[in-house]
Amino acid sequence: MITKTSKMLTKCALGGLAILMASMPSYASDWKPIKPVEMVIMAGQGGGADRLARLFQSIIQKESLASMPVLPINKGGGSGAEAMRYLKDKSGDPHVLMATLNSYYTTPLRTDIGVDIEEFTPIARMAVDTFVLWVNADSDIKTLDDYVAAVKAAGGTWKMGGTGTGQEDSLITAMLEKEFGIKHIYVPFKGGGTVAKNLVGGHIDSTVNNPSEQMGFFEAGKSRPIAAFTPERLAVFPDVPTMAELGHPMTYYMQRSFVAPASMPDAAVAYYVEMFKKLSQTEEWQTYASKKALMTDFLSGDELQAYFLAERAAHADILKNM
C-alpha cells in the first residue's frame, strides 16, 4: 500500500535525481579517448592522402585538439582494401579513424571485399582536392593539343603514371582516352609522391597528380601543368587553362574526409566531429589548403553520408564507362 508520505518521498527523490542529472555534463561533452587514436590512411606514403593525414595529425597535436596522441598508419594495400577491411573489423571501436580518398567508393565497387561503406560512421569532410595534367618541364609539350598529338604519335607507348587501376588517376586517364581517342600505358606506383618523382625522373611521360603532390617539383621548374580538371582556373596556377575552357567538360575531384568504424558510440562521434571542426578553422590548415589548391568545404553527419552515397553512384557510372 502506497501512503501519502511514501509518495512525497518518491517525488523528492525524483526531483533530486533530476537536479543532479541537470548539473552533470552530457556524455558527449565528457567523453575523451583513453588511449592513442589510430588514424588509418587508405594509401601509401608520400601521396596526397598521406601528406594531408600527417598534416592533420601535426595540427591536432600543436593545437591540443585531442586528449590523446593521434597516430597515422598507412594501410594502402589493394587500393585501400586493406584499410577498409581493417576498419570493418574495428566495429564499435572509438579509437580508430580512417582518412579516405575516392578509392573509398571504387575499391568496393571493383572487388568483393565484403565492405559496404554505408555501414561506416561519417565523421568529417575537410576538403575536395583537385587534379592537373602534368608533363616533365623538359618536354616540348606546352598545350593540351600538343599533349594529344604527342600521345597519338607515340602509338600506344605513352606512359601515364598513377597509383593503381581503379584509383582516381586511372579513372581520369580513362576519361582522357575516351575523350580524345588516345591510348596510354598505365604505370602504377605505391603513392602519388612516387608518381611525381618518376615524372621528373623521366621514367613516365605524364601524370594527373594533385597539385600538392607536384607543387615542389613545379616550383623547382621540373614539371609543367598543362590543364586543370576543374570548372574554373586554380588560383595557384592562374595561367593554366581548365579542360572545360578548352572545350572538354571534364571535371573531377578527390574528397579528403574521415570516417570511423560502424557502431561508434555517439559521444565519440561528437568528440571527433568537434575536433575536426576546430581543425578546419585553424590558420595553418586554411593557409595550406589555399597554397595547395584544396577547396575547403566542411561536412559531417547525415549530409556527409548523403554525399558519400551520391559519389559512390557517380563512380559506379564512371567504372561502367571504362
Protein backbone atom coordinates (compact mmCIF):
# COMPACT_ATOMS: atom_id res chain seq x y z
CA MET A 1 0.00 0.00 0.00
CA ILE A 2 1.43 3.41 -1.05
CA THR A 3 0.97 6.04 1.65
CA LYS A 4 0.88 9.80 1.21
CA THR A 5 4.25 10.01 2.94
CA SER A 6 5.85 7.47 0.59
CA LYS A 7 4.53 9.39 -2.42
CA MET A 8 6.09 12.58 -1.10
CA LEU A 9 9.43 10.81 -0.56
CA THR A 10 9.34 9.40 -4.08
CA LYS A 11 8.68 12.85 -5.55
CA CYS A 12 11.55 14.32 -3.56
CA ALA A 13 13.90 11.56 -4.70
CA LEU A 14 12.95 12.00 -8.34
CA GLY A 15 13.30 15.77 -8.03
CA GLY A 16 16.76 15.39 -6.53
CA LEU A 17 17.79 12.99 -9.28
CA ALA A 18 16.61 15.43 -11.94
CA ILE A 19 18.62 18.26 -10.38
CA LEU A 20 21.71 16.02 -10.18
CA MET A 21 21.39 14.92 -13.83
CA ALA A 22 20.91 18.51 -14.98
CA SER A 23 24.09 19.55 -13.19
CA MET A 24 26.18 16.76 -14.78
CA PRO A 25 27.93 17.31 -18.16
CA SER A 26 26.47 15.37 -21.08
CA TYR A 27 28.21 12.13 -22.03
CA ALA A 28 29.06 13.57 -25.45
CA SER A 29 30.88 16.57 -23.98
CA ASP A 30 32.52 14.47 -21.25
CA TRP A 31 33.83 11.63 -23.47
CA LYS A 32 37.51 11.60 -24.36
CA PRO A 33 39.79 8.93 -25.85
CA ILE A 34 41.60 6.95 -23.18
CA LYS A 35 44.36 5.61 -25.43
CA PRO A 36 46.14 6.75 -28.65
CA VAL A 37 43.84 7.12 -31.65
CA GLU A 38 44.76 5.30 -34.86
CA MET A 39 44.44 7.43 -38.00
CA VAL A 40 44.40 4.78 -40.72
CA ILE A 41 45.37 6.05 -44.20
CA MET A 42 43.99 4.03 -47.12
CA ALA A 43 47.00 4.87 -49.30
CA GLY A 44 50.79 4.59 -49.32
CA GLN A 45 53.30 7.09 -48.03
CA GLY A 46 54.10 10.31 -49.87
CA GLY A 47 50.83 10.85 -51.74
CA GLY A 48 48.14 13.45 -51.18
CA ALA A 49 46.17 11.37 -48.66
CA ASP A 50 49.29 10.58 -46.64
CA ARG A 51 50.53 14.18 -46.67
CA LEU A 52 47.17 15.51 -45.51
CA ALA A 53 46.66 12.94 -42.78
CA ARG A 54 50.08 13.72 -41.34
CA LEU A 55 49.42 17.45 -41.59
CA PHE A 56 46.16 16.98 -39.68
CA GLN A 57 47.95 14.89 -37.05
CA SER A 58 50.52 17.67 -36.64
CA ILE A 59 47.86 20.38 -36.26
CA ILE A 60 45.86 18.28 -33.79
CA GLN A 61 48.98 17.91 -31.67
CA LYS A 62 50.08 21.57 -31.89
CA GLU A 63 46.61 22.92 -31.16
CA SER A 64 45.90 20.34 -28.42
CA LEU A 65 42.69 19.31 -30.17
CA ALA A 66 42.78 15.74 -28.77
CA SER A 67 43.44 14.46 -25.26
CA MET A 68 45.50 11.53 -26.59
CA PRO A 69 48.06 11.20 -29.40
CA VAL A 70 46.80 10.55 -32.93
CA LEU A 71 48.94 8.01 -34.79
CA PRO A 72 48.93 7.89 -38.64
CA ILE A 73 49.13 4.33 -40.01
CA ASN A 74 49.38 3.53 -43.74
CA LYS A 75 47.29 0.61 -44.99
CA GLY A 76 47.22 1.13 -48.75
CA GLY A 77 47.23 -2.48 -49.90
CA GLY A 78 44.72 -3.47 -52.56
CA SER A 79 43.87 0.15 -53.47
CA GLY A 80 42.67 0.75 -49.92
CA ALA A 81 41.02 -2.65 -49.42
CA GLU A 82 43.43 -3.41 -46.56
CA ALA A 83 42.37 -0.26 -44.69
CA MET A 84 38.66 -0.78 -45.29
CA ARG A 85 38.73 -4.38 -44.07
CA TYR A 86 40.67 -3.22 -41.01
CA LEU A 87 38.02 -0.58 -40.27
CA LYS A 88 35.23 -3.13 -40.71
CA ASP A 89 36.91 -5.41 -38.15
CA LYS A 90 37.09 -2.49 -35.68
CA SER A 91 33.30 -2.09 -35.38
CA GLY A 92 32.38 -0.13 -32.24
CA ASP A 93 35.98 0.90 -31.51
CA PRO A 94 36.06 4.61 -30.51
CA HIS A 95 39.82 4.88 -31.01
CA VAL A 96 40.06 4.38 -34.78
CA LEU A 97 39.58 6.86 -37.65
CA MET A 98 40.26 6.43 -41.36
CA ALA A 99 41.43 9.08 -43.84
CA THR A 100 39.64 8.47 -47.14
CA LEU A 101 40.06 9.22 -50.82
CA ASN A 102 37.95 8.23 -53.80
CA SER A 103 39.03 4.61 -53.69
CA TYR A 104 36.64 4.58 -50.73
CA TYR A 105 33.98 4.26 -53.45
CA THR A 106 35.77 2.46 -56.26
CA THR A 107 37.54 -0.37 -54.42
CA PRO A 108 34.36 -1.99 -53.04
CA LEU A 109 32.71 -1.50 -56.45
CA ARG A 110 35.55 -3.22 -58.31
CA THR A 111 36.33 -6.03 -55.89
CA ASP A 112 34.21 -8.06 -53.47
CA ILE A 113 35.97 -7.24 -50.20
CA GLY A 114 32.89 -7.66 -48.01
CA VAL A 115 32.64 -3.95 -47.25
CA ASP A 116 29.65 -1.63 -47.60
CA ILE A 117 30.68 1.98 -46.94
CA GLU A 118 27.14 2.78 -45.82
CA GLU A 119 27.90 0.84 -42.63
CA PHE A 120 30.81 3.10 -41.66
CA THR A 121 30.33 6.19 -39.48
CA PRO A 122 30.81 9.53 -41.31
CA ILE A 123 32.93 12.00 -39.32
CA ALA A 124 34.11 14.97 -41.41
CA ARG A 125 34.89 16.08 -44.95
CA MET A 126 37.72 18.58 -44.76
CA ALA A 127 38.12 19.45 -48.45
CA VAL A 128 37.96 18.31 -52.02
CA ASP A 129 41.28 18.05 -53.85
CA THR A 130 41.90 18.94 -57.48
CA PHE A 131 43.70 17.30 -60.41
CA VAL A 132 46.01 18.67 -63.10
CA LEU A 133 47.56 17.08 -66.18
CA TRP A 134 51.37 17.25 -65.84
CA VAL A 135 54.39 16.64 -68.07
CA ASN A 136 58.11 16.91 -67.46
CA ALA A 137 59.37 20.51 -67.80
CA ASP A 138 61.94 19.32 -70.36
CA SER A 139 59.12 18.19 -72.65
CA ASP A 140 58.19 20.16 -75.77
CA ILE A 141 54.53 19.86 -74.75
CA LYS A 142 53.04 23.18 -73.71
CA THR A 143 49.34 22.87 -74.58
CA LEU A 144 46.59 20.26 -74.49
CA ASP A 145 46.72 19.99 -78.28
CA ASP A 146 50.46 19.30 -78.02
CA TYR A 147 49.75 16.58 -75.47
CA VAL A 148 47.08 14.80 -77.52
CA ALA A 149 49.29 14.91 -80.62
CA ALA A 150 52.28 13.52 -78.70
CA VAL A 151 50.27 10.63 -77.21
CA LYS A 152 48.85 9.75 -80.63
CA ALA A 153 52.30 9.89 -82.20
CA ALA A 154 53.61 7.52 -79.50
CA GLY A 155 51.38 4.80 -80.95
CA GLY A 156 50.29 3.27 -77.66
CA THR A 157 53.64 3.51 -75.87
CA TRP A 158 52.94 6.72 -73.91
CA LYS A 159 53.40 6.09 -70.16
CA MET A 160 50.91 7.64 -67.73
CA GLY A 161 51.89 7.23 -64.08
CA GLY A 162 49.31 6.56 -61.37
CA THR A 163 48.61 4.82 -58.09
CA GLY A 164 46.72 1.73 -59.26
CA THR A 165 43.96 0.51 -61.54
CA GLY A 166 40.63 1.81 -60.33
CA GLN A 167 42.33 4.61 -58.42
CA GLU A 168 41.44 8.22 -59.15
CA ASP A 169 44.21 8.92 -61.65
CA SER A 170 43.38 5.77 -63.60
CA LEU A 171 39.77 6.99 -63.90
CA ILE A 172 40.98 10.34 -65.26
CA THR A 173 43.31 8.53 -67.66
CA ALA A 174 40.32 6.53 -68.94
CA MET A 175 38.36 9.78 -69.37
CA LEU A 176 41.20 11.26 -71.42
CA GLU A 177 41.37 8.17 -73.62
CA LYS A 178 37.64 8.24 -74.27
CA GLU A 179 37.52 11.99 -74.90
CA PHE A 180 40.47 12.17 -77.30
CA GLY A 181 40.67 8.67 -78.76
CA ILE A 182 44.17 8.13 -77.38
CA LYS A 183 45.88 5.24 -75.61
CA HIS A 184 48.27 5.20 -72.64
CA ILE A 185 50.32 2.53 -70.92
CA TYR A 186 49.16 2.98 -67.33
CA VAL A 187 52.07 2.50 -64.90
CA PRO A 188 51.05 2.06 -61.23
CA PHE A 189 53.15 3.15 -58.25
CA LYS A 190 52.63 2.92 -54.50
CA GLY A 191 51.70 6.57 -53.93
CA GLY A 192 51.23 9.95 -55.56
CA GLY A 193 54.57 11.20 -54.30
CA THR A 194 56.35 8.35 -56.05
CA VAL A 195 54.38 9.09 -59.22
CA ALA A 196 55.57 12.70 -59.14
CA LYS A 197 59.20 11.65 -58.65
CA ASN A 198 59.03 9.27 -61.60
CA LEU A 199 57.71 12.03 -63.86
CA VAL A 200 60.60 14.38 -63.14
CA GLY A 201 62.98 11.42 -63.28
CA GLY A 202 61.89 10.71 -66.86
CA HIS A 203 60.55 7.21 -66.14
CA ILE A 204 56.99 8.11 -67.22
CA ASP A 205 55.67 10.69 -69.68
CA SER A 206 52.75 12.28 -67.83
CA THR A 207 50.66 12.22 -64.64
CA VAL A 208 47.43 13.67 -63.31
CA ASN A 209 48.82 14.36 -59.83
CA ASN A 210 47.08 16.53 -57.25
CA PRO A 211 48.79 19.94 -57.04
CA SER A 212 50.08 19.16 -53.53
CA GLU A 213 51.97 16.14 -54.90
CA GLN A 214 53.67 18.06 -57.74
CA MET A 215 53.97 21.53 -56.19
CA GLY A 216 57.56 21.14 -55.01
CA PHE A 217 58.73 19.96 -58.43
CA PHE A 218 56.69 22.66 -60.17
CA GLU A 219 58.25 25.38 -58.00
CA ALA A 220 61.68 23.91 -58.80
CA GLY A 221 60.92 24.17 -62.52
CA LYS A 222 60.93 20.41 -63.07
CA SER A 223 57.30 19.77 -64.02
CA ARG A 224 54.76 21.62 -66.18
CA PRO A 225 50.99 21.83 -65.68
CA ILE A 226 49.01 21.54 -68.93
CA ALA A 227 45.33 21.71 -67.92
CA ALA A 228 43.22 21.50 -64.76
CA PHE A 229 40.22 19.23 -64.26
CA THR A 230 38.22 21.98 -62.53
CA PRO A 231 35.36 24.25 -63.64
CA GLU A 232 37.47 27.38 -63.09
CA ARG A 233 41.20 28.12 -63.12
CA LEU A 234 43.06 27.37 -59.91
CA ALA A 235 44.39 30.43 -58.10
CA VAL A 236 47.81 28.80 -57.68
CA PHE A 237 48.03 28.23 -61.45
CA PRO A 238 46.39 31.32 -62.97
CA ASP A 239 47.96 30.71 -66.40
CA VAL A 240 46.85 27.08 -66.64
CA PRO A 241 43.57 26.62 -68.55
CA THR A 242 40.84 24.23 -67.47
CA MET A 243 39.75 21.31 -69.60
CA ALA A 244 36.31 22.92 -69.75
CA GLU A 245 37.54 26.20 -71.21
CA LEU A 246 39.47 24.21 -73.81
CA GLY A 247 36.19 22.68 -74.94
CA HIS A 248 36.29 19.45 -72.95
CA PRO A 249 33.90 19.49 -69.95
CA MET A 250 35.98 17.16 -67.81
CA THR A 251 35.96 17.83 -64.07
CA TYR A 252 36.98 15.51 -61.28
CA TYR A 253 37.64 15.95 -57.56
CA MET A 254 39.15 13.91 -54.74
CA GLN A 255 37.36 14.01 -51.41
CA ARG A 256 39.51 14.35 -48.31
CA SER A 257 37.39 13.01 -45.46
CA PHE A 258 37.41 10.95 -42.29
CA VAL A 259 35.16 8.07 -41.32
CA ALA A 260 35.02 5.75 -38.32
CA PRO A 261 34.04 2.13 -37.75
CA ALA A 262 30.40 1.07 -37.67
CA SER A 263 28.60 1.44 -34.33
CA MET A 264 31.00 4.02 -32.89
CA PRO A 265 29.36 5.48 -29.75
CA ASP A 266 27.54 8.77 -30.36
CA ALA A 267 29.65 10.54 -27.75
CA ALA A 268 32.85 9.56 -29.54
CA VAL A 269 31.41 10.67 -32.90
CA ALA A 270 30.55 14.07 -31.41
CA TYR A 271 34.07 14.37 -29.99
CA TYR A 272 35.78 13.71 -33.32
CA VAL A 273 33.40 15.89 -35.34
CA GLU A 274 34.15 18.77 -32.98
CA MET A 275 37.89 18.05 -33.19
CA PHE A 276 37.90 18.24 -36.99
CA LYS A 277 35.59 21.26 -36.98
CA LYS A 278 38.11 23.14 -34.83
CA LEU A 279 40.94 21.91 -37.05
CA SER A 280 39.15 23.20 -40.15
CA GLN A 281 39.15 26.70 -38.65
CA THR A 282 42.87 26.87 -37.88
CA GLU A 283 45.03 29.33 -39.80
CA GLU A 284 47.59 26.63 -40.64
CA TRP A 285 45.00 24.45 -42.38
CA GLN A 286 43.41 27.33 -44.27
CA THR A 287 46.81 28.56 -45.47
CA TYR A 288 47.90 25.08 -46.57
CA ALA A 289 44.63 24.45 -48.41
CA SER A 290 44.94 27.75 -50.28
CA LYS A 291 48.55 27.09 -51.34
CA LYS A 292 47.85 23.52 -52.46
CA ALA A 293 44.65 24.24 -54.44
CA LEU A 294 42.39 22.38 -52.00
CA MET A 295 38.77 23.53 -51.85
CA THR A 296 37.69 23.58 -48.20
CA ASP A 297 34.07 22.69 -47.53
CA PHE A 298 33.39 21.10 -44.13
CA LEU A 299 30.65 18.45 -43.98
CA SER A 300 29.60 15.99 -41.28
CA GLY A 301 26.75 13.75 -40.18
CA ASP A 302 23.86 12.87 -42.48
CA GLU A 303 24.96 15.45 -45.07
CA LEU A 304 28.34 13.77 -45.38
CA GLN A 305 26.81 10.30 -45.66
CA ALA A 306 24.47 11.52 -48.41
CA TYR A 307 27.49 12.97 -50.23
CA PHE A 308 29.36 9.65 -49.95
CA LEU A 309 26.45 7.66 -51.37
CA ALA A 310 25.91 10.10 -54.25
CA GLU A 311 29.61 9.93 -55.13
CA ARG A 312 29.55 6.14 -54.95
CA ALA A 313 26.73 6.11 -57.52
CA ALA A 314 28.62 8.55 -59.76
CA HIS A 315 31.77 6.43 -59.60
CA ALA A 316 29.79 3.30 -60.44
CA ASP A 317 28.80 5.03 -63.68
CA ILE A 318 32.40 6.04 -64.40
CA LEU A 319 33.61 2.48 -63.90
CA LYS A 320 30.90 1.16 -66.22
CA ASN A 321 32.01 3.57 -68.95
CA MET A 322 35.61 2.40 -68.54
